[in-house]
Structures are given as structure tokens and as C-alpha cells.
Amino acid sequence: MTAQPRPTGPFVAIVTPFDAQEAVAEAALRRQVARQAKAGNGVFCGGTNGEFYTLSFAEKVRVAEICVEAAAGTTGVLAHIGEISTHQTIALGKAIQRLGVKAVSAITPSFIACSQDELEGHYRRVADALDVPVYLYNIPARTGNTIAPETAARLAGHPNIVGIKDSEGSKASLDGFLAVAAGRDDFDVLVGPDSLVLHGLQNGAAGSISGLGNVAPLTLNGIWTAFTAGDHAAATAHQERFSALRATLYAHGFPPTMVKCALRAVMPDVGPSRGPASVTAEVEAKVAEIARSFAEATA
């Protein structure tokens, strides 16, 4: 692994645009990457908001390739590589690490109920096999498997495991991983829940990976910029706006689908979510109203 500074600051779990036939809309994806770079945010591709669960292996690689090309060094690109099996996670990681991403992140395996020993073995095998830095990714509501802080602490000793993206959704979970990071200088926490971005930064997180940043990239960046400038009032105001958007938008359905629907209301070329995800006309109208109130095009 080539030593390089670990990612910090705000990253957006960028949507994967689709055309009317549900093929990846490459030009629209490039525009979204440029939009986030203009706002000062990095890009996390192929994650939950990128609908990785609907993408083929080849599409995941192509999405990462497009994001790196579109960023053209103007902002950092991280990529998600998590699959159900260790074998496939490694295969995807090897395919993507050649593209120039700064790091990769892998959710816990899903469907298979894993013990902590099995999760530890999974991540050690992945980290051993790859040259690019690896982040753990905790999102138990979607996978059914939870990384315990004690497991993260053991994995933090691996030279190629550099941190964790925690999307469990609670302060308790986030604080558990922040406590692990507090005792080391080689392991970072990236905040997943949009309502906890500022809390995480105030307690030692290195940055965040946000789904809502697709809709409000300037607000996301404002939390980080104000925090690093020591402007507590401004950081709090940005976080309150972000949290209000989260509560309002997610009241209408599955968060990644709602994010895509809101963004599509102001930037139609991102297209719909892939089936079976869908939005009723009534929900779409409500989400469009929210989008018009909160969205920040920046491009």
C-alpha cells in the first residue's frame, strides 16, 4: 500500500443516475461529481445512496471509473466494495483499486448471520488482499450484522484498515467507534447519519459520508467549513438545517429512494431509482416541494 494522507472532511454518497431504460447515465453522473467538487465535497461512489444493491459487478467498476475521471484530481473519490462474500468483496476491491480511488469501504456481509470472529476474519482477508486503504462500514439495519466497537478496535491494528464509516444511526454507536479512534492516530471515524455530522466532528470524527449532501451539498460543506473555522454558531445552524431536511424527507419512505426523488425534482437527468424501488405520484409531489425548499444546485 502506498502511504497517503487519510481522507478528511465531507464526502457525498453520490447517487447513480439512470436513464429511462435504467442504464447508468454516465453524463449525468459526471455532472454530479463536478457539482460536488464545486461545492467542496469529496465523492463516495457505489454506496447505499448509489444503489449498489442494484448494480452489477461491471457497473460498480464503471461507476467508480467515471467518478475518478470526472473528479480529475479536483476532489477525492472513495468507493464502496462490500459484497455478501469475502471472495467477491476482494474481487471487486481489486478491480476498483486500480482506478485511482483514495480508499475503499465495505459493508458487513448481508444475509449470512456473522459472529464477531467471522466479521473480523472477513475484514482481515479483505485488507490483506488489497493495496488501497480499507474502511469498515457499519450499517446493521441493512445487513443484519453489527460491528462491535471491540471488533473495530482489534481491526484498527491492521496496517491497511484505516477507519470506519458508521451508519448505525445512533449517538451511542458513533460514540463507541469515536472512543476507539480517540486512543489511536491510525484509525478514523467517518460519520454516516446526517443528523450527527456536527456531533461526530465535535468528538473527533475525521469527516462524514452523507446521502443528503446530494440534495444540499453546500449545507453539508458548511457544517465542516464552519466547524474547522471555529464558528460554532454557523456550524450549528448548518446542522439544524441538515437535520430538518433529513426529518422532513425521510418521513416519506426509504431514504436512498427519497434522496434520488428529491434530487430528480431539481435535476431531472439523475433519473429514477431502479426497481423495485418506486415512488407514488402523491409522494413525488410532496418530495418535490421539499426539494424546492432545500435543494442547492451549485451547477
C-alpha atoms as a PDB file:
ATOM      1  CA  MET A   1       0.000   0.000   0.000  1.00  0.00           C
ATOM      2  CA  THR A   2       1.265   3.452  -0.909  1.00  0.00           C
ATOM      3  CA  ALA A   3       1.218   5.758   2.116  1.00  0.00           C
ATOM      4  CA  GLN A   4      -1.016   8.781   1.641  1.00  0.00           C
ATOM      5  CA  PRO A   5      -2.979  11.182   3.833  1.00  0.00           C
ATOM      6  CA  ARG A   6      -6.236   9.684   5.049  1.00  0.00           C
ATOM      7  CA  PRO A   7      -9.438  11.302   3.749  1.00  0.00           C
ATOM      8  CA  THR A   8     -10.947  14.065   5.845  1.00  0.00           C
ATOM      9  CA  GLY A   9     -13.903  16.396   5.507  1.00  0.00           C
ATOM     10  CA  PRO A  10     -17.291  15.986   3.848  1.00  0.00           C
ATOM     11  CA  PHE A  11     -17.925  13.291   1.250  1.00  0.00           C
ATOM     12  CA  VAL A  12     -21.216  12.713  -0.538  1.00  0.00           C
ATOM     13  CA  ALA A  13     -22.545   9.201  -1.090  1.00  0.00           C
ATOM     14  CA  ILE A  14     -23.281  10.136  -4.658  1.00  0.00           C
ATOM     15  CA  VAL A  15     -26.369   8.864  -6.464  1.00  0.00           C
ATOM     16  CA  THR A  16     -26.011   6.676  -9.536  1.00  0.00           C
ATOM     17  CA  PRO A  17     -28.071   8.323 -12.298  1.00  0.00           C
ATOM     18  CA  PHE A  18     -30.122   6.066 -14.580  1.00  0.00           C
ATOM     19  CA  ASP A  19     -31.752   6.754 -17.910  1.00  0.00           C
ATOM     20  CA  ALA A  20     -35.310   5.764 -18.888  1.00  0.00           C
ATOM     21  CA  GLN A  21     -34.148   2.190 -19.579  1.00  0.00           C
ATOM     22  CA  GLU A  22     -32.429   2.047 -16.160  1.00  0.00           C
ATOM     23  CA  ALA A  23     -28.935   2.021 -17.685  1.00  0.00           C
ATOM     24  CA  VAL A  24     -26.252   4.046 -15.926  1.00  0.00           C
ATOM     25  CA  ALA A  25     -26.467   7.629 -17.222  1.00  0.00           C
ATOM     26  CA  GLU A  26     -22.779   8.405 -17.497  1.00  0.00           C
ATOM     27  CA  ALA A  27     -23.003  12.072 -18.487  1.00  0.00           C
ATOM     28  CA  ALA A  28     -25.376  12.787 -15.610  1.00  0.00           C
ATOM     29  CA  LEU A  29     -23.013  11.042 -13.181  1.00  0.00           C
ATOM     30  CA  ARG A  30     -20.113  13.174 -14.378  1.00  0.00           C
ATOM     31  CA  ARG A  31     -22.200  16.297 -13.763  1.00  0.00           C
ATOM     32  CA  GLN A  32     -22.983  15.187 -10.228  1.00  0.00           C
ATOM     33  CA  VAL A  33     -19.300  14.616  -9.473  1.00  0.00           C
ATOM     34  CA  ALA A  34     -18.416  18.058 -10.838  1.00  0.00           C
ATOM     35  CA  ARG A  35     -21.236  19.576  -8.782  1.00  0.00           C
ATOM     36  CA  GLN A  36     -19.909  18.091  -5.562  1.00  0.00           C
ATOM     37  CA  ALA A  37     -16.345  19.123  -6.338  1.00  0.00           C
ATOM     38  CA  LYS A  38     -17.569  22.686  -6.912  1.00  0.00           C
ATOM     39  CA  ALA A  39     -19.257  22.607  -3.505  1.00  0.00           C
ATOM     40  CA  GLY A  40     -16.009  21.454  -1.899  1.00  0.00           C
ATOM     41  CA  ASN A  41     -17.115  17.900  -1.163  1.00  0.00           C
ATOM     42  CA  GLY A  42     -15.488  14.586  -1.920  1.00  0.00           C
ATOM     43  CA  VAL A  43     -17.340  11.697  -3.543  1.00  0.00           C
ATOM     44  CA  PHE A  44     -18.178   8.247  -2.189  1.00  0.00           C
ATOM     45  CA  CYS A  45     -19.411   6.137  -5.090  1.00  0.00           C
ATOM     46  CA  GLY A  46     -21.284   2.869  -5.251  1.00  0.00           C
ATOM     47  CA  GLY A  47     -22.651   3.175  -1.722  1.00  0.00           C
ATOM     48  CA  THR A  48     -26.157   2.905  -0.329  1.00  0.00           C
ATOM     49  CA  ASN A  49     -27.304   6.133  -1.980  1.00  0.00           C
ATOM     50  CA  GLY A  50     -25.546   4.986  -5.137  1.00  0.00           C
ATOM     51  CA  GLU A  51     -27.893   1.968  -5.160  1.00  0.00           C
ATOM     52  CA  PHE A  52     -25.021  -0.503  -5.168  1.00  0.00           C
ATOM     53  CA  TYR A  53     -27.521  -3.248  -4.313  1.00  0.00           C
ATOM     54  CA  THR A  54     -28.990  -2.869  -7.825  1.00  0.00           C
ATOM     55  CA  LEU A  55     -25.700  -2.617  -9.741  1.00  0.00           C
ATOM     56  CA  SER A  56     -23.848  -5.438 -11.463  1.00  0.00           C
ATOM     57  CA  PHE A  57     -20.170  -6.067 -10.775  1.00  0.00           C
ATOM     58  CA  ALA A  58     -19.233  -4.388 -14.078  1.00  0.00           C
ATOM     59  CA  GLU A  59     -21.467  -1.399 -13.359  1.00  0.00           C
ATOM     60  CA  LYS A  60     -19.871  -0.878  -9.951  1.00  0.00           C
ATOM     61  CA  VAL A  61     -16.442  -0.781 -11.552  1.00  0.00           C
ATOM     62  CA  ARG A  62     -17.623   1.564 -14.305  1.00  0.00           C
ATOM     63  CA  VAL A  63     -19.281   3.939 -11.827  1.00  0.00           C
ATOM     64  CA  ALA A  64     -16.026   4.190  -9.865  1.00  0.00           C
ATOM     65  CA  GLU A  65     -14.074   4.730 -13.082  1.00  0.00           C
ATOM     66  CA  ILE A  66     -16.383   7.549 -14.181  1.00  0.00           C
ATOM     67  CA  CYS A  67     -16.193   9.238 -10.781  1.00  0.00           C
ATOM     68  CA  VAL A  68     -12.394   9.202 -10.747  1.00  0.00           C
ATOM     69  CA  GLU A  69     -12.274  10.505 -14.323  1.00  0.00           C
ATOM     70  CA  ALA A  70     -14.833  13.220 -13.632  1.00  0.00           C
ATOM     71  CA  ALA A  71     -13.117  14.316 -10.421  1.00  0.00           C
ATOM     72  CA  ALA A  72      -9.836  14.627 -12.335  1.00  0.00           C
ATOM     73  CA  GLY A  73      -7.952  15.241  -9.114  1.00  0.00           C
ATOM     74  CA  THR A  74     -10.166  18.163  -8.058  1.00  0.00           C
ATOM     75  CA  THR A  75     -11.668  16.175  -5.192  1.00  0.00           C
ATOM     76  CA  GLY A  76     -11.145  12.829  -3.523  1.00  0.00           C
ATOM     77  CA  VAL A  77     -13.038   9.713  -4.553  1.00  0.00           C
ATOM     78  CA  LEU A  78     -13.803   6.840  -2.212  1.00  0.00           C
ATOM     79  CA  ALA A  79     -15.564   3.689  -3.391  1.00  0.00           C
ATOM     80  CA  HIS A  80     -17.749   1.076  -1.790  1.00  0.00           C
ATOM     81  CA  ILE A  81     -16.776  -2.557  -2.452  1.00  0.00           C
ATOM     82  CA  GLY A  82     -18.872  -4.570   0.011  1.00  0.00           C
ATOM     83  CA  GLU A  83     -20.415  -7.824  -1.205  1.00  0.00           C
ATOM     84  CA  ILE A  84     -22.038 -10.766   0.563  1.00  0.00           C
ATOM     85  CA  SER A  85     -18.961 -12.976   0.317  1.00  0.00           C
ATOM     86  CA  THR A  86     -15.361 -12.232   1.218  1.00  0.00           C
ATOM     87  CA  HIS A  87     -14.279 -13.621  -2.150  1.00  0.00           C
ATOM     88  CA  GLN A  88     -16.443 -11.209  -4.147  1.00  0.00           C
ATOM     89  CA  THR A  89     -15.560  -8.241  -1.925  1.00  0.00           C
ATOM     90  CA  ILE A  90     -11.890  -8.871  -2.636  1.00  0.00           C
ATOM     91  CA  ALA A  91     -12.554  -9.305  -6.359  1.00  0.00           C
ATOM     92  CA  LEU A  92     -14.432  -6.007  -6.556  1.00  0.00           C
ATOM     93  CA  GLY A  93     -11.808  -4.269  -4.450  1.00  0.00           C
ATOM     94  CA  LYS A  94      -9.009  -5.437  -6.735  1.00  0.00           C
ATOM     95  CA  ALA A  95     -10.916  -4.223  -9.797  1.00  0.00           C
ATOM     96  CA  ILE A  96     -11.638  -0.807  -8.284  1.00  0.00           C
ATOM     97  CA  GLN A  97      -8.334  -0.085  -6.566  1.00  0.00           C
ATOM     98  CA  ARG A  98      -6.622   0.176  -9.949  1.00  0.00           C
ATOM     99  CA  LEU A  99      -8.809   3.151 -10.907  1.00  0.00           C
ATOM    100  CA  GLY A 100      -7.233   5.716  -8.595  1.00  0.00           C
ATOM    101  CA  VAL A 101      -9.674   5.875  -5.667  1.00  0.00           C
ATOM    102  CA  LYS A 102      -8.230   7.184  -2.397  1.00  0.00           C
ATOM    103  CA  ALA A 103      -9.702   4.377  -0.304  1.00  0.00           C
ATOM    104  CA  VAL A 104     -12.463   1.781  -0.274  1.00  0.00           C
ATOM    105  CA  SER A 105     -15.156   0.908   2.244  1.00  0.00           C
ATOM    106  CA  ALA A 106     -17.018  -2.362   2.680  1.00  0.00           C
ATOM    107  CA  ILE A 107     -20.279  -3.018   4.489  1.00  0.00           C
ATOM    108  CA  THR A 108     -20.533  -6.137   6.568  1.00  0.00           C
ATOM    109  CA  PRO A 109     -21.724  -9.195   4.649  1.00  0.00           C
ATOM    110  CA  SER A 110     -25.515  -9.420   4.471  1.00  0.00           C
ATOM    111  CA  PHE A 111     -27.873 -12.433   4.567  1.00  0.00           C
ATOM    112  CA  ILE A 112     -25.228 -14.530   6.368  1.00  0.00           C
ATOM    113  CA  ALA A 113     -25.519 -14.071  10.145  1.00  0.00           C
ATOM    114  CA  CYS A 114     -21.908 -13.459  11.154  1.00  0.00           C
ATOM    115  CA  SER A 115     -20.227 -13.761  14.528  1.00  0.00           C
ATOM    116  CA  GLN A 116     -17.727 -11.087  15.537  1.00  0.00           C
ATOM    117  CA  ASP A 117     -14.925 -13.565  14.824  1.00  0.00           C
ATOM    118  CA  GLU A 118     -16.283 -14.102  11.319  1.00  0.00           C
ATOM    119  CA  LEU A 119     -16.541 -10.346  10.706  1.00  0.00           C
ATOM    120  CA  GLU A 120     -13.000  -9.861  11.923  1.00  0.00           C
ATOM    121  CA  GLY A 121     -11.744 -12.633   9.666  1.00  0.00           C
ATOM    122  CA  HIS A 122     -13.667 -11.179   6.713  1.00  0.00           C
ATOM    123  CA  TYR A 123     -12.148  -7.733   7.056  1.00  0.00           C
ATOM    124  CA  ARG A 124      -8.654  -9.049   7.683  1.00  0.00           C
ATOM    125  CA  ARG A 125      -8.789 -11.093   4.479  1.00  0.00           C
ATOM    126  CA  VAL A 126     -10.064  -8.079   2.517  1.00  0.00           C
ATOM    127  CA  ALA A 127      -7.432  -5.738   3.933  1.00  0.00           C
ATOM    128  CA  ASP A 128      -4.658  -8.301   3.366  1.00  0.00           C
ATOM    129  CA  ALA A 129      -5.656  -8.698  -0.284  1.00  0.00           C
ATOM    130  CA  LEU A 130      -5.840  -5.020  -1.235  1.00  0.00           C
ATOM    131  CA  ASP A 131      -3.271  -2.265  -1.673  1.00  0.00           C
ATOM    132  CA  VAL A 132      -5.755   0.580  -1.229  1.00  0.00           C
ATOM    133  CA  PRO A 133      -6.718   1.648   2.343  1.00  0.00           C
ATOM    134  CA  VAL A 134      -9.846  -0.015   3.715  1.00  0.00           C
ATOM    135  CA  TYR A 135     -12.653   1.409   5.859  1.00  0.00           C
ATOM    136  CA  LEU A 136     -15.056  -0.789   7.762  1.00  0.00           C
ATOM    137  CA  TYR A 137     -18.707   0.119   7.120  1.00  0.00           C
ATOM    138  CA  ASN A 138     -21.280  -0.485   9.846  1.00  0.00           C
ATOM    139  CA  ILE A 139     -24.923  -0.355   8.694  1.00  0.00           C
ATOM    140  CA  PRO A 140     -26.720  -3.136  10.604  1.00  0.00           C
ATOM    141  CA  ALA A 141     -30.244  -2.069   9.664  1.00  0.00           C
ATOM    142  CA  ARG A 142     -29.476  -3.065   6.066  1.00  0.00           C
ATOM    143  CA  THR A 143     -27.120  -6.013   6.552  1.00  0.00           C
ATOM    144  CA  GLY A 144     -28.269  -7.654   9.782  1.00  0.00           C
ATOM    145  CA  ASN A 145     -24.688  -7.692  11.070  1.00  0.00           C
ATOM    146  CA  THR A 146     -23.196  -5.198  13.516  1.00  0.00           C
ATOM    147  CA  ILE A 147     -19.506  -4.457  14.005  1.00  0.00           C
ATOM    148  CA  ALA A 148     -18.880  -4.218  17.743  1.00  0.00           C
ATOM    149  CA  PRO A 149     -16.519  -1.449  18.913  1.00  0.00           C
ATOM    150  CA  GLU A 150     -14.293  -4.144  20.409  1.00  0.00           C
ATOM    151  CA  THR A 151     -14.009  -5.792  16.994  1.00  0.00           C
ATOM    152  CA  ALA A 152     -13.247  -2.448  15.376  1.00  0.00           C
ATOM    153  CA  ALA A 153     -10.535  -1.881  17.998  1.00  0.00           C
ATOM    154  CA  ARG A 154      -8.866  -5.166  17.097  1.00  0.00           C
ATOM    155  CA  LEU A 155      -9.147  -4.482  13.372  1.00  0.00           C
ATOM    156  CA  ALA A 156      -7.699  -0.993  13.867  1.00  0.00           C
ATOM    157  CA  GLY A 157      -4.351  -2.660  14.441  1.00  0.00           C
ATOM    158  CA  HIS A 158      -4.291  -3.932  10.852  1.00  0.00           C
ATOM    159  CA  PRO A 159      -1.933  -1.709   8.832  1.00  0.00           C
ATOM    160  CA  ASN A 160      -4.365  -1.449   5.907  1.00  0.00           C
ATOM    161  CA  ILE A 161      -7.556  -0.769   7.895  1.00  0.00           C
ATOM    162  CA  VAL A 162      -7.706   2.974   8.414  1.00  0.00           C
ATOM    163  CA  GLY A 163     -11.140   3.656   9.859  1.00  0.00           C
ATOM    164  CA  ILE A 164     -14.863   3.027   9.898  1.00  0.00           C
ATOM    165  CA  LYS A 165     -17.956   4.572   8.341  1.00  0.00           C
ATOM    166  CA  ASP A 166     -20.639   4.213  10.976  1.00  0.00           C
ATOM    167  CA  SER A 167     -24.220   4.363   9.716  1.00  0.00           C
ATOM    168  CA  GLU A 168     -25.939   2.580  12.597  1.00  0.00           C
ATOM    169  CA  GLY A 169     -27.788   5.816  13.273  1.00  0.00           C
ATOM    170  CA  SER A 170     -27.345   6.481  16.977  1.00  0.00           C
ATOM    171  CA  LYS A 171     -25.031   8.609  19.085  1.00  0.00           C
ATOM    172  CA  ALA A 172     -24.264   5.557  21.191  1.00  0.00           C
ATOM    173  CA  SER A 173     -22.944   3.612  18.212  1.00  0.00           C
ATOM    174  CA  LEU A 174     -20.982   6.546  16.834  1.00  0.00           C
ATOM    175  CA  ASP A 175     -19.511   7.361  20.231  1.00  0.00           C
ATOM    176  CA  GLY A 176     -18.371   3.770  20.635  1.00  0.00           C
ATOM    177  CA  PHE A 177     -16.270   3.991  17.486  1.00  0.00           C
ATOM    178  CA  LEU A 178     -15.077   7.511  18.323  1.00  0.00           C
ATOM    179  CA  ALA A 179     -13.743   6.081  21.582  1.00  0.00           C
ATOM    180  CA  VAL A 180     -11.764   3.515  19.592  1.00  0.00           C
ATOM    181  CA  ALA A 181     -10.318   6.230  17.359  1.00  0.00           C
ATOM    182  CA  ALA A 182      -9.507   8.504  20.300  1.00  0.00           C
ATOM    183  CA  GLY A 183      -6.867   6.111  21.502  1.00  0.00           C
ATOM    184  CA  ARG A 184      -5.044   5.883  18.159  1.00  0.00           C
ATOM    185  CA  ASP A 185      -3.578   8.041  15.421  1.00  0.00           C
ATOM    186  CA  ASP A 186      -4.076   5.453  12.666  1.00  0.00           C
ATOM    187  CA  PHE A 187      -7.846   4.894  12.723  1.00  0.00           C
ATOM    188  CA  ASP A 188     -10.553   7.410  11.765  1.00  0.00           C
ATOM    189  CA  VAL A 189     -14.321   7.634  12.043  1.00  0.00           C
ATOM    190  CA  LEU A 190     -16.439   8.912   9.149  1.00  0.00           C
ATOM    191  CA  VAL A 191     -19.969   9.882  10.218  1.00  0.00           C
ATOM    192  CA  GLY A 192     -22.808   8.282   8.275  1.00  0.00           C
ATOM    193  CA  PRO A 193     -26.017   9.666   9.864  1.00  0.00           C
ATOM    194  CA  ASP A 194     -26.714  13.156   8.551  1.00  0.00           C
ATOM    195  CA  SER A 195     -28.197  14.232  11.870  1.00  0.00           C
ATOM    196  CA  LEU A 196     -24.908  13.500  13.666  1.00  0.00           C
ATOM    197  CA  VAL A 197     -22.332  15.155  11.405  1.00  0.00           C
ATOM    198  CA  LEU A 198     -21.537  18.011  13.792  1.00  0.00           C
ATOM    199  CA  HIS A 199     -21.694  15.771  16.863  1.00  0.00           C
ATOM    200  CA  GLY A 200     -19.158  13.490  15.251  1.00  0.00           C
ATOM    201  CA  LEU A 201     -16.810  16.312  14.298  1.00  0.00           C
ATOM    202  CA  GLN A 202     -17.007  17.783  17.790  1.00  0.00           C
ATOM    203  CA  ASN A 203     -15.985  14.431  19.209  1.00  0.00           C
ATOM    204  CA  GLY A 204     -13.101  13.560  16.929  1.00  0.00           C
ATOM    205  CA  ALA A 205     -14.540  12.286  13.636  1.00  0.00           C
ATOM    206  CA  ALA A 206     -12.324  12.901  10.629  1.00  0.00           C
ATOM    207  CA  GLY A 207     -15.250  13.676   8.327  1.00  0.00           C
ATOM    208  CA  SER A 208     -18.565  12.382   7.070  1.00  0.00           C
ATOM    209  CA  ILE A 209     -20.149  10.474   4.203  1.00  0.00           C
ATOM    210  CA  SER A 210     -23.571  11.931   3.539  1.00  0.00           C
ATOM    211  CA  GLY A 211     -26.559  10.880   1.463  1.00  0.00           C
ATOM    212  CA  LEU A 212     -28.366  14.190   1.934  1.00  0.00           C
ATOM    213  CA  GLY A 213     -25.365  16.005   0.504  1.00  0.00           C
ATOM    214  CA  ASN A 214     -26.774  15.046  -2.885  1.00  0.00           C
ATOM    215  CA  VAL A 215     -29.657  17.419  -2.209  1.00  0.00           C
ATOM    216  CA  ALA A 216     -27.921  20.073  -0.094  1.00  0.00           C
ATOM    217  CA  PRO A 217     -24.177  19.964  -0.813  1.00  0.00           C
ATOM    218  CA  LEU A 218     -23.499  23.498   0.409  1.00  0.00           C
ATOM    219  CA  THR A 219     -25.158  22.864   3.767  1.00  0.00           C
ATOM    220  CA  LEU A 220     -23.096  19.718   4.248  1.00  0.00           C
ATOM    221  CA  ASN A 221     -19.913  21.544   3.369  1.00  0.00           C
ATOM    222  CA  GLY A 222     -20.952  24.441   5.583  1.00  0.00           C
ATOM    223  CA  ILE A 223     -21.005  22.197   8.668  1.00  0.00           C
ATOM    224  CA  TRP A 224     -17.393  21.187   8.037  1.00  0.00           C
ATOM    225  CA  THR A 225     -16.154  24.621   6.974  1.00  0.00           C
ATOM    226  CA  ALA A 226     -17.716  26.401   9.941  1.00  0.00           C
ATOM    227  CA  PHE A 227     -16.553  23.734  12.377  1.00  0.00           C
ATOM    228  CA  THR A 228     -12.950  23.859  11.191  1.00  0.00           C
ATOM    229  CA  ALA A 229     -13.052  27.672  11.341  1.00  0.00           C
ATOM    230  CA  GLY A 230     -14.224  27.516  14.946  1.00  0.00           C
ATOM    231  CA  ASP A 231     -17.578  29.127  14.149  1.00  0.00           C
ATOM    232  CA  HIS A 232     -19.849  27.104  16.422  1.00  0.00           C
ATOM    233  CA  ALA A 233     -22.967  29.151  15.717  1.00  0.00           C
ATOM    234  CA  ALA A 234     -22.680  28.745  11.948  1.00  0.00           C
ATOM    235  CA  ALA A 235     -21.866  25.038  12.216  1.00  0.00           C
ATOM    236  CA  THR A 236     -24.901  24.529  14.430  1.00  0.00           C
ATOM    237  CA  ALA A 237     -27.155  26.454  12.043  1.00  0.00           C
ATOM    238  CA  HIS A 238     -25.997  24.344   9.093  1.00  0.00           C
ATOM    239  CA  GLN A 239     -26.506  21.146  11.098  1.00  0.00           C
ATOM    240  CA  GLU A 240     -30.001  22.206  12.149  1.00  0.00           C
ATOM    241  CA  ARG A 241     -30.938  22.832   8.522  1.00  0.00           C
ATOM    242  CA  PHE A 242     -29.491  19.481   7.505  1.00  0.00           C
ATOM    243  CA  SER A 243     -31.320  17.669  10.293  1.00  0.00           C
ATOM    244  CA  ALA A 244     -34.585  19.356   9.337  1.00  0.00           C
ATOM    245  CA  LEU A 245     -34.169  18.195   5.748  1.00  0.00           C
ATOM    246  CA  ARG A 246     -33.467  14.665   6.945  1.00  0.00           C
ATOM    247  CA  ALA A 247     -36.544  14.513   9.168  1.00  0.00           C
ATOM    248  CA  THR A 248     -38.820  16.020   6.529  1.00  0.00           C
ATOM    249  CA  LEU A 249     -37.586  13.985   3.581  1.00  0.00           C
ATOM    250  CA  TYR A 250     -37.172  10.589   5.216  1.00  0.00           C
ATOM    251  CA  ALA A 251     -40.702  10.700   6.615  1.00  0.00           C
ATOM    252  CA  HIS A 252     -41.889   9.746   3.127  1.00  0.00           C
ATOM    253  CA  GLY A 253     -40.023   6.486   2.511  1.00  0.00           C
ATOM    254  CA  PHE A 254     -36.782   4.555   2.024  1.00  0.00           C
ATOM    255  CA  PRO A 255     -34.001   7.158   2.430  1.00  0.00           C
ATOM    256  CA  PRO A 256     -31.953   6.442  -0.734  1.00  0.00           C
ATOM    257  CA  THR A 257     -35.124   6.479  -2.830  1.00  0.00           C
ATOM    258  CA  MET A 258     -36.240   9.751  -1.234  1.00  0.00           C
ATOM    259  CA  VAL A 259     -32.834  11.350  -1.850  1.00  0.00           C
ATOM    260  CA  LYS A 260     -32.939  10.316  -5.506  1.00  0.00           C
ATOM    261  CA  CYS A 261     -36.516  11.551  -5.864  1.00  0.00           C
ATOM    262  CA  ALA A 262     -35.677  14.925  -4.279  1.00  0.00           C
ATOM    263  CA  LEU A 263     -32.625  15.403  -6.458  1.00  0.00           C
ATOM    264  CA  ARG A 264     -34.554  14.389  -9.572  1.00  0.00           C
ATOM    265  CA  ALA A 265     -37.113  17.122  -8.832  1.00  0.00           C
ATOM    266  CA  VAL A 266     -34.463  19.782  -9.399  1.00  0.00           C
ATOM    267  CA  MET A 267     -32.023  17.866 -11.644  1.00  0.00           C
ATOM    268  CA  PRO A 268     -34.159  15.518 -13.762  1.00  0.00           C
ATOM    269  CA  ASP A 269     -31.252  13.855 -15.558  1.00  0.00           C
ATOM    270  CA  VAL A 270     -30.415  11.736 -12.487  1.00  0.00           C
ATOM    271  CA  GLY A 271     -33.461   9.648 -13.394  1.00  0.00           C
ATOM    272  CA  PRO A 272     -35.438   7.255 -11.203  1.00  0.00           C
ATOM    273  CA  SER A 273     -34.309   4.654  -8.716  1.00  0.00           C
ATOM    274  CA  ARG A 274     -34.037   1.140 -10.083  1.00  0.00           C
ATOM    275  CA  GLY A 275     -36.909  -1.200  -9.370  1.00  0.00           C
ATOM    276  CA  PRO A 276     -38.386  -2.451  -7.200  1.00  0.00           C
ATOM    277  CA  ALA A 277     -37.945   0.955  -5.559  1.00  0.00           C
ATOM    278  CA  SER A 278     -40.666   3.316  -6.711  1.00  0.00           C
ATOM    279  CA  VAL A 279     -42.446   6.489  -5.652  1.00  0.00           C
ATOM    280  CA  THR A 280     -46.168   7.217  -5.867  1.00  0.00           C
ATOM    281  CA  ALA A 281     -47.335  10.390  -7.559  1.00  0.00           C
ATOM    282  CA  GLU A 282     -48.505  11.732  -4.204  1.00  0.00           C
ATOM    283  CA  VAL A 283     -45.124  11.161  -2.530  1.00  0.00           C
ATOM    284  CA  GLU A 284     -43.273  12.504  -5.546  1.00  0.00           C
ATOM    285  CA  ALA A 285     -45.251  15.757  -5.344  1.00  0.00           C
ATOM    286  CA  LYS A 286     -44.506  16.123  -1.622  1.00  0.00           C
ATOM    287  CA  VAL A 287     -40.825  15.367  -2.105  1.00  0.00           C
ATOM    288  CA  ALA A 288     -40.588  17.839  -4.990  1.00  0.00           C
ATOM    289  CA  GLU A 289     -41.927  20.543  -2.693  1.00  0.00           C
ATOM    290  CA  ILE A 290     -39.305  19.658  -0.089  1.00  0.00           C
ATOM    291  CA  ALA A 291     -36.604  19.670  -2.752  1.00  0.00           C
ATOM    292  CA  ARG A 292     -37.548  23.133  -3.938  1.00  0.00           C
ATOM    293  CA  SER A 293     -37.267  24.366  -0.348  1.00  0.00           C
ATOM    294  CA  PHE A 294     -33.903  22.765   0.438  1.00  0.00           C
ATOM    295  CA  ALA A 295     -32.073  21.910  -2.772  1.00  0.00           C
ATOM    296  CA  GLU A 296     -28.828  23.631  -3.705  1.00  0.00           C
ATOM    297  CA  ALA A 297     -27.943  23.056  -7.340  1.00  0.00           C
ATOM    298  CA  THR A 298     -24.452  24.668  -7.334  1.00  0.00           C
ATOM    299  CA  ALA A 299     -24.315  23.948 -11.071  1.00  0.00           C
END
